[in-house]
Amino acid sequence: MFSFRSGLMRSLCAAACWCLLALQAQARDSNKPLTEYTHTVWTHKDGIPSAFIYSMAQTRDGYLWLATTDGLVRFDGVRFVHWRPKTGHTALLGVVRSLCAARDGSLWIGTAAGLVGHIRGDDLTTSSVGAQVEAIFEDRDGTLWVATENNLLRFRAATQEQMGTAITLPGTFLSGPLQDRSGSIWFTTLSGAQRLDSSNPQGPPAEIAKGKFWLSEDTNGDICLTRPDGSTRSVNEGQIVTRPEMETKTLDIQTVLRDSNGNTWIGTHGQGLARPRPGFHDGMKMEKYSLLDGLSAESVWCLLEDREHNIWVGTQNGLNRFRDEKNHHVDPARGIGRRQCGCTRRGA
C-alpha cells in the first residue's frame, strides 16, 4: 500500500510539474519576439489585384476579405479573387475603406464614395450615407454603426433602415466603434475618447478622456485605450481615464489590435509595425518590424487575428501574415483559420 501511494504521489507531482511547464511555455510563446514568428508576404506578384489594403475581415466560412483601392478582394489562403456581385448593386465599387464580418456570416462594406453595402452570397445591396465610410461595426443587438469623418449613424441590419438622426461627432473620427460589456458604444476622435451609453444610444456622447487614443478590445471584452506613445491600458466600465502627460516619444498610429495573448500590435504611418514588450510601462523598449525586416511597406493600415491566432497585417503594398508555428493547426477545409475577428479601424 505504501508503495502504491508513493507511486501515485510521484505521478501527481510529475503531472503538476508538466502543467506548470506548459503554462510557462505558453506565457513565453505569448511574449515571443516578432522575429521568431514565421512571416509571409503577398503582393501584386503573388496575385493580389490591388495591394493597398485599407481593412480586413474574416467571415464565418473562413474567407479573408480585403478592402482595397480597387474594390473588394477575397482570399482563401491560396488564391485571391477580385470579388464582384452577380445581383443587386453590380456597378464597380471603387475604393473600399472598411469591412465588418456579420454574426450571420454575411459581410458589410463601406466605400470612399459613401456606400454601405451588405453582401450575402453573390448579392450586394447598398445604401448611401453621403460621405466616405471610415468604419462599420455590428453590435450584439444587431444594430449597425457606421462612422464617417464627422458623424456616427445607426442602421437596422436586417433592412438597412437608418435609426434616428446622425450623431454629430465632437471631433474628427479616429477609431472604433466598439461595444463594451455593458452595451455602451465607444469611439475616439482627435479630441478624446467618447462613450454612448446603452440607455441613450442617440447621445450626446460622454467624453471619457481628453487627448488622442486608439481603441481595441481584449479577449475578456474589455475596451483598451492606446496612447500615441504606444502604452495601452484597459478601461473598466464606468471608469474615468485622465489625460496622460505629454509623451516624449510618439508613434504616428493608424490602427491597434489586442491579440488573444494580450499583446498589443500597433500599425503606423511610415514607422512599420510596433509592439510594446512586456513591462513597457516600466521603461522597456518598443519592438518594431519594418520594411528592412521584410514587412511589405512602412505604412500599416489594418490588423486582424484569425481563428488560428495568425496575425494579418495590411499595408499600402501587400498582405503580411505572422504565424506562431508551434500553435498552428492546419484546417483541411481552408487555408485560413475560421475564428471570426472584428475589423480594424481608421487611425489618424
Foldseek 3Di string as FASTA:
>chain_A
DVVVVVVVVVVVVVVVVVVVVVVVVVLCLLQDALLLFDKDWDFVVLAAPAQFFQKWWAFQVGWIWTFGQFAIWIDQLRHIDRAAAPDEPRDGQGGWHEKWHDPVRWIWTWGQQAWIWIDDPRYIHIDGPRGGWFYWDQDPVQWIWTDHQFWIWIARNVVRHTDDDTAGDPATWFWDFDAAPQGWTWGAHQFAIWIQHPVGNSDDTDGQEGHDWYWEAEPVRFIKTAHQQGDIDTDPPPDRDYYDDDDPDGFQFWWWYQFHSRWIWTFGAQQAIWTQGPPVVVPDDIRHAAVVNPPQHNGWNWWKAAPLRWIWTRHNGTIMITHDVVSGDQDPVTSGHRHTTTMIGGHD
